Protein backbone atom coordinates (compact mmCIF):
# COMPACT_ATOMS: atom_id res chain seq x y z
CA MET A 1 0.11 -0.02 0.06
CA THR A 2 1.10 3.49 -0.58
CA THR A 3 -0.06 6.59 1.42
CA ARG A 4 -1.49 9.31 -0.88
CA ALA A 5 -1.79 12.73 0.28
CA ALA A 6 -5.09 14.03 -1.32
CA GLY A 7 -4.18 17.59 -0.42
CA LEU A 8 -2.67 19.70 2.15
CA ARG A 9 -4.92 21.92 4.03
CA ALA A 10 -3.40 25.01 5.30
CA ARG A 11 -6.24 26.25 7.18
CA ARG A 12 -10.02 25.33 7.64
CA ILE A 13 -12.63 27.69 8.33
CA LEU A 14 -16.07 26.61 9.90
CA MET A 15 -18.92 26.80 7.58
CA GLY A 16 -22.23 27.01 9.50
CA VAL A 17 -23.00 25.55 13.12
CA LEU A 18 -20.36 23.03 14.31
CA ALA A 19 -21.81 19.57 14.00
CA LEU A 20 -20.85 17.52 17.02
CA VAL A 21 -21.05 14.21 15.85
CA ILE A 22 -18.72 11.53 16.81
CA GLY A 23 -18.47 8.80 14.23
CA GLY A 24 -16.40 6.28 12.56
CA SER A 25 -13.97 8.91 11.38
CA GLY A 26 -12.67 8.79 14.85
CA ILE A 27 -12.69 12.59 15.27
CA VAL A 28 -15.49 15.21 16.00
CA VAL A 29 -15.72 17.55 13.09
CA GLY A 30 -17.55 20.37 11.82
CA ARG A 31 -18.25 21.48 8.16
CA MET A 32 -15.10 22.76 6.79
CA GLN A 33 -13.87 24.34 3.66
CA ASP A 34 -10.51 24.77 2.36
CA ALA A 35 -8.80 28.22 2.67
CA PRO A 36 -5.62 29.78 1.44
CA PRO A 37 -3.11 30.78 4.20
CA VAL A 38 -3.14 34.58 5.02
CA PRO A 39 0.25 36.08 4.29
CA GLY A 40 2.10 36.91 7.47
CA GLN A 41 -0.09 34.67 9.69
CA PRO A 42 1.44 32.22 11.62
CA GLN A 43 1.26 28.61 10.24
CA SER A 44 0.51 26.70 13.35
CA ARG A 45 -3.34 26.66 14.20
CA VAL A 46 -2.36 26.27 17.98
CA ALA A 47 -0.09 29.12 17.86
CA ALA A 48 -2.56 31.35 15.97
CA ALA A 49 -5.24 30.78 18.44
CA ALA A 50 -3.47 29.60 21.55
CA ALA A 51 -5.39 31.83 23.69
CA ASP A 52 -8.66 30.64 22.46
CA LEU A 53 -8.75 26.93 22.62
CA ARG A 54 -11.84 25.38 24.28
CA PHE A 55 -11.45 21.95 26.06
CA LEU A 56 -14.88 20.13 26.02
CA ARG A 57 -15.40 17.18 28.23
CA ARG A 58 -17.24 14.37 27.02
CA ASP A 59 -18.21 10.85 28.30
CA ASP A 60 -18.74 7.28 27.15
CA PRO A 61 -15.67 7.02 27.38
CA ASP A 62 -14.62 9.91 29.43
CA GLY A 63 -12.14 12.26 27.64
CA THR A 64 -11.59 15.81 26.13
CA THR A 65 -12.14 17.48 22.85
CA VAL A 66 -10.05 20.31 21.87
CA VAL A 67 -11.52 23.05 19.62
CA ASP A 68 -10.24 26.24 18.29
CA ALA A 69 -11.71 29.77 18.21
CA ALA A 70 -13.31 29.17 14.82
CA GLY A 71 -15.03 25.84 16.05
CA THR A 72 -12.78 23.53 14.29
CA VAL A 73 -11.94 20.38 16.32
CA LEU A 74 -8.20 19.79 16.51
CA ALA A 75 -7.95 16.68 18.73
CA THR A 76 -9.96 14.32 20.85
CA LEU A 77 -8.24 12.66 24.01
CA THR A 78 -9.47 9.85 26.14
CA ASP A 79 -8.94 9.59 29.88
CA GLY A 80 -6.50 6.88 30.65
CA ALA A 81 -5.34 6.47 27.14
CA ARG A 82 -2.10 7.84 25.53
CA THR A 83 -4.01 7.68 21.90
CA ALA A 84 -4.64 10.98 20.50
CA THR A 85 -6.52 11.65 17.15
CA LEU A 86 -5.51 14.93 15.63
CA ASP A 87 -7.08 16.84 12.63
CA GLY A 88 -4.65 16.88 9.81
CA PRO A 89 -4.06 16.72 5.96
CA GLU A 90 -6.28 14.28 4.17
CA ARG A 91 -4.64 10.95 3.06
CA THR A 92 -5.94 7.77 1.39
CA PHE A 93 -4.91 4.23 2.63
CA ALA A 94 -5.31 1.50 -0.01
CA GLU A 95 -4.29 -1.62 -1.56
CA PRO A 96 -4.36 -1.47 -5.43
CA GLN A 97 -5.38 -5.00 -5.87
CA PHE A 98 -8.65 -4.50 -3.72
CA ASP A 99 -11.29 -2.34 -5.16
CA GLY A 100 -13.43 -0.54 -2.65
CA ALA A 101 -11.11 -0.92 0.33
CA ALA A 102 -9.48 2.47 0.37
CA VAL A 103 -9.93 4.77 3.63
CA THR A 104 -9.72 8.15 3.17
CA THR A 105 -9.41 10.40 6.31
CA ARG A 106 -8.24 13.55 7.95
CA VAL A 107 -7.71 11.58 11.27
CA TRP A 108 -4.05 11.22 12.51
CA VAL A 109 -3.27 8.92 15.42
CA ARG A 110 -0.35 9.88 17.75
CA LEU A 111 0.77 8.76 21.24
CA LEU A 112 0.64 11.44 24.13
CA PRO A 113 3.69 11.11 26.27
CA GLU A 114 1.61 10.19 29.13
CA GLU A 115 -1.95 8.83 29.91
CA TRP A 116 -4.54 11.61 29.31
CA ARG A 117 -6.58 12.76 32.25
CA ALA A 118 -9.10 15.50 32.96
CA GLY A 119 -7.37 18.85 33.25
CA ALA A 120 -4.09 17.92 31.70
CA GLU A 121 -4.56 20.63 29.27
CA GLN A 122 -3.45 23.06 32.01
CA GLU A 123 -0.13 21.25 32.34
CA GLY A 124 2.90 22.97 30.80
CA TRP A 125 3.84 20.05 28.37
CA PHE A 126 0.42 19.87 26.65
CA ARG A 127 0.18 22.82 24.37
CA PRO A 128 3.83 22.74 23.19
CA TRP A 129 3.10 18.81 22.33
CA LEU A 130 -0.27 19.83 20.47
CA GLN A 131 1.37 22.43 18.42
CA GLU A 132 4.43 20.17 17.70
CA GLN A 133 2.03 17.10 16.47
CA LEU A 134 -0.43 19.37 14.76
CA ASP A 135 2.40 20.77 12.51
CA SER A 136 4.32 17.46 11.96
CA PRO A 137 4.59 15.48 8.87
CA ALA A 138 6.16 12.59 10.46
CA PRO A 139 4.34 9.46 9.95
CA ASP A 140 1.53 8.66 12.49
CA ILE A 141 0.34 5.21 13.80
CA LEU A 142 -1.88 4.77 10.73
CA ALA A 143 0.90 5.73 8.13
CA MET A 144 3.49 3.44 9.89
CA ALA A 145 0.65 0.45 9.79
CA GLY A 146 0.51 1.09 6.11
CA GLU A 147 4.43 0.80 5.62
CA TYR A 148 4.20 -3.11 6.10
CA LEU A 149 1.16 -3.80 3.48
CA ASP A 150 1.54 -5.58 0.32
CA GLY A 151 3.97 -4.07 -2.09
CA ALA A 152 5.06 -1.45 0.59
CA PRO A 153 8.70 -0.28 -0.21
CA ALA A 154 11.56 -1.23 2.11
CA GLY A 155 13.03 1.61 4.20
CA GLU A 156 15.98 1.61 6.62
CA ASP A 157 16.87 3.54 9.72
CA ASP A 158 19.85 5.81 10.03
CA GLU A 159 21.90 2.69 10.79
CA GLY A 160 20.92 0.66 7.75
CA MET A 161 18.64 -1.71 9.32
CA ARG A 162 15.40 -2.44 7.51
CA ILE A 163 12.61 -1.13 9.61
CA ARG A 164 9.76 -0.88 7.07
CA GLY A 165 8.42 -2.77 3.99
CA ASP A 166 6.10 -5.66 2.86
CA ALA A 167 5.73 -8.03 5.68
CA ARG A 168 5.11 -11.69 5.67
CA PHE A 169 3.01 -13.54 8.21
CA GLY A 170 5.57 -16.12 8.98
CA PRO A 171 7.65 -18.80 7.32
CA PRO A 172 6.08 -21.76 5.50
CA GLY A 173 4.90 -24.29 7.87
CA PRO A 174 5.80 -28.08 7.95
CA ASN A 175 5.60 -30.02 4.75
CA GLY A 176 4.65 -26.64 2.94
CA GLY A 177 1.52 -26.23 5.23
CA PRO A 178 0.06 -22.82 6.52
CA SER A 179 2.53 -20.52 8.11
CA PRO A 180 2.83 -20.74 11.72
CA GLU A 181 2.32 -17.94 14.36
CA ASN A 182 5.08 -16.75 16.61
CA SER A 183 6.71 -13.97 14.49
CA ASP A 184 7.37 -10.93 16.69
CA PHE A 185 8.59 -7.38 15.77
CA TYR A 186 12.00 -8.43 16.47
CA ASP A 187 11.83 -11.40 14.12
CA TYR A 188 10.74 -8.86 11.34
CA LEU A 189 13.61 -6.41 12.29
CA GLY A 190 16.11 -9.36 12.47
CA VAL A 191 17.59 -7.81 15.76
CA ARG A 192 18.10 -9.14 19.35
CA TRP A 193 15.88 -7.14 21.73
CA ARG A 194 16.17 -6.57 25.38
CA PHE A 195 12.81 -5.52 27.29
CA ALA A 196 12.72 -3.18 30.22
CA ASP A 197 12.36 -6.13 32.59
CA GLY A 198 15.67 -7.45 31.38
CA ALA A 199 14.33 -10.41 29.47
CA ALA A 200 16.02 -10.71 25.92
CA ARG A 201 14.65 -12.41 22.72
CA ARG A 202 16.81 -13.40 19.72
CA PRO A 203 15.05 -13.35 16.25
CA ASP A 204 14.59 -16.42 14.37
CA PRO A 205 16.43 -16.01 10.74
CA VAL A 206 13.69 -17.80 8.93
CA ARG A 207 11.09 -15.43 10.41
CA TYR A 208 13.03 -12.18 9.18
CA GLY A 209 10.43 -9.73 7.67
CA ALA A 210 7.47 -11.38 9.24
CA VAL A 211 4.92 -10.64 11.99
CA ASP A 212 1.85 -12.33 13.01
CA CYS A 213 -1.17 -10.42 14.28
CA SER A 214 0.00 -9.41 17.62
CA GLY A 215 3.56 -9.00 16.44
CA PHE A 216 2.11 -6.45 13.82
CA VAL A 217 0.59 -4.42 16.42
CA ARG A 218 3.72 -4.37 18.49
CA LEU A 219 5.94 -3.49 15.51
CA VAL A 220 3.64 -0.51 14.76
CA TYR A 221 2.58 0.73 18.07
CA GLY A 222 5.76 -0.58 20.24
CA TYR A 223 8.89 -0.38 18.15
CA ARG A 224 7.83 2.24 15.88
CA GLY A 225 5.43 4.44 17.98
CA GLY A 226 7.25 3.95 21.35
CA TYR A 227 4.51 2.33 23.42
CA PRO A 228 6.21 0.23 26.15
CA LEU A 229 6.45 -3.61 25.27
CA LEU A 230 6.48 -6.65 27.30
CA ALA A 231 8.51 -9.87 26.74
CA THR A 232 5.48 -12.38 27.85
CA GLU A 233 1.74 -12.65 28.09
CA ASP A 234 1.88 -11.73 31.89
CA PRO A 235 0.28 -8.47 33.02
CA GLY A 236 2.48 -5.27 33.09
CA PRO A 237 3.00 -1.79 32.05
CA GLY A 238 2.90 -2.47 28.39
CA LEU A 239 1.78 -4.34 25.37
CA PRO A 240 1.97 -8.12 26.17
CA ARG A 241 2.99 -10.74 23.46
CA ARG A 242 -0.45 -12.19 22.35
CA ALA A 243 -3.75 -10.92 21.38
CA ARG A 244 -5.66 -12.77 24.10
CA ALA A 245 -3.40 -11.12 26.64
CA MET A 246 -3.98 -7.59 25.11
CA ALA A 247 -7.60 -8.08 25.45
CA ASP A 248 -7.55 -9.60 28.93
CA THR A 249 -5.10 -7.97 30.86
CA GLY A 250 -3.11 -5.58 28.75
CA PRO A 251 -3.17 -1.76 28.85
CA GLY A 252 -5.80 0.53 27.44
CA VAL A 253 -9.42 1.83 27.91
CA VAL A 254 -12.04 -0.56 26.95
CA VAL A 255 -14.25 1.15 24.30
CA LEU A 256 -16.40 -2.02 23.49
CA PRO A 257 -16.61 -4.71 25.96
CA ASP A 258 -16.43 -8.36 25.21
CA ASN A 259 -19.95 -9.64 25.61
CA GLY A 260 -19.65 -12.88 23.63
CA VAL A 261 -21.29 -11.35 20.63
CA PRO A 262 -20.13 -8.71 18.02
CA PRO A 263 -20.68 -5.26 19.45
CA SER A 264 -23.26 -3.27 17.71
CA ASN A 265 -21.90 0.30 18.71
CA LEU A 266 -19.52 0.68 16.05
CA GLY A 267 -19.77 4.52 16.16
CA ALA A 268 -17.91 4.57 19.55
CA LEU A 269 -14.62 3.55 17.78
CA GLN A 270 -11.88 5.83 16.63
CA ALA A 271 -9.19 5.38 14.34
CA GLY A 272 -6.04 3.59 15.99
CA ASP A 273 -8.32 1.45 18.44
CA LEU A 274 -7.12 -2.05 18.97
CA LEU A 275 -9.92 -4.60 17.70
CA PHE A 276 -10.05 -8.26 19.21
CA PHE A 277 -11.60 -11.25 17.43
CA ASP A 278 -12.45 -14.89 18.49
CA LEU A 279 -11.77 -16.51 15.07
CA ASP A 280 -11.71 -20.13 16.14
CA GLN A 281 -14.76 -19.93 18.22
CA ALA A 282 -13.01 -22.17 20.66
CA PRO A 283 -15.14 -22.89 24.09
CA ASP A 284 -12.79 -20.70 26.12
CA LEU A 285 -14.32 -17.65 24.29
CA ARG A 286 -11.01 -16.03 24.28
CA SER A 287 -9.71 -13.41 21.54
CA ASP A 288 -7.13 -14.80 19.30
CA HIS A 289 -6.79 -12.17 16.76
CA VAL A 290 -5.90 -8.42 16.89
CA GLY A 291 -6.17 -5.51 14.40
CA ILE A 292 -6.09 -1.76 14.16
CA TYR A 293 -9.35 0.14 13.25
CA LEU A 294 -8.68 2.55 10.44
CA GLY A 295 -12.19 4.14 10.07
CA ARG A 296 -14.82 4.22 7.51
CA ASP A 297 -13.86 3.03 4.03
CA VAL A 298 -15.06 4.64 0.50
CA ASN A 299 -18.20 2.59 1.12
CA GLY A 300 -19.06 3.86 4.42
CA GLN A 301 -18.12 0.59 5.93
CA HIS A 302 -15.86 0.07 9.31
CA ARG A 303 -12.53 -1.37 7.87
CA PHE A 304 -9.51 -2.47 9.88
CA VAL A 305 -5.93 -3.72 9.16
CA SER A 306 -4.36 -6.76 10.68
CA SER A 307 -1.78 -9.27 9.83
CA ARG A 308 -3.18 -12.75 8.88
CA ARG A 309 -2.09 -16.34 7.66
CA ARG A 310 -4.28 -16.26 4.33
CA ALA A 311 -3.04 -12.84 3.26
CA ASP A 312 0.42 -13.77 4.17
CA GLY A 313 0.98 -10.49 6.27
CA PRO A 314 -0.80 -7.17 7.22
CA THR A 315 -3.54 -6.12 4.92
CA LEU A 316 -6.84 -3.81 4.80
CA GLY A 317 -8.03 -5.65 1.96
CA ASP A 318 -10.27 -8.73 1.53
CA LEU A 319 -7.95 -11.68 1.15
CA GLY A 320 -8.97 -14.37 3.40
CA GLY A 321 -12.19 -12.56 4.68
CA THR A 322 -13.17 -9.04 4.41
CA SER A 323 -11.45 -6.54 6.49
CA LEU A 324 -14.86 -5.21 7.82
CA LEU A 325 -16.79 -5.29 10.98
CA ASP A 326 -20.17 -4.53 9.67
CA ASP A 327 -20.80 -6.81 6.56
CA GLY A 328 -21.64 -9.93 8.22
CA GLY A 329 -18.47 -11.69 7.09
CA HIS A 330 -16.17 -13.97 9.03
CA TYR A 331 -14.31 -11.09 10.88
CA ALA A 332 -17.42 -9.22 11.58
CA ARG A 333 -18.93 -12.39 13.11
CA SER A 334 -15.77 -12.91 15.05
CA PHE A 335 -15.40 -9.29 16.28
CA ARG A 336 -15.77 -9.06 20.17
CA ALA A 337 -13.96 -6.12 21.67
CA ALA A 338 -11.91 -2.78 21.30
CA LYS A 339 -9.52 -1.11 23.37
CA ARG A 340 -7.91 2.48 23.24
CA LEU A 341 -4.34 2.52 24.01
């Protein structure tokens, strides 16, 4: 997949009354139109209206919406979570081989330096952080997730290590069978990794360039995004190794609880949320798959990205089942819960 910038928006002006609607886009928005920048005016929306920002409290889940003087929503923040959704330039995420699977969005997903709480906008770190992130062209969580889809170009860090590019699910199974799980982020990178608790892991050479579903989430949110990672499934201050542990004891705010059936309130989701699935329908009723919510696609349906065996790696397309939560397909029927990191 490639990330295509559909247009840079230098400034947006509210047209009419702000429509306070929280939906599948993952951000509260009003009706906007593009406007050219005014010569000599500060380019930062926060710097231009720093004294006029409003912070509106909301519930279910509890959080804060940041609105500027013109009524444009700049950010949504959730109590107890580090995930922030920000208003930014429009982009489209797609895999060319899947017609109708594209997601066009103005939502950018970034991590706060600490969990949000009511009143945190008064602390000295917040406004500089907001200004920096709104102006930043650096890849966000969604863009980083797109850097591992089918056909994504490889890229290296400053030390020459490949950190992005088309990822596989895993090596071939015994006798050419299905690829097994167990490919974590350090397998994809091909590096030895020492976790904060001192535990060390060595990459399996045959798994180089591969990530399973939870390994993909850990690669994007953890290695690339900076969210703390755990070595095992045990509870602790970070993302555990497996999808079931992320769902059961992992960090984050529960957005949609697991009631044993597909949740119906999909409008509560916002881009970047972790989605949990019970694909095998085993008697233990535990999640065995995890993905990242992207938003509504060009057909208005709720689409996600995840790494899976039949697609041989991360995909937002419809190979091995549609990547949708609301079409009655295999993943829609298996969808059970959502968390916001």
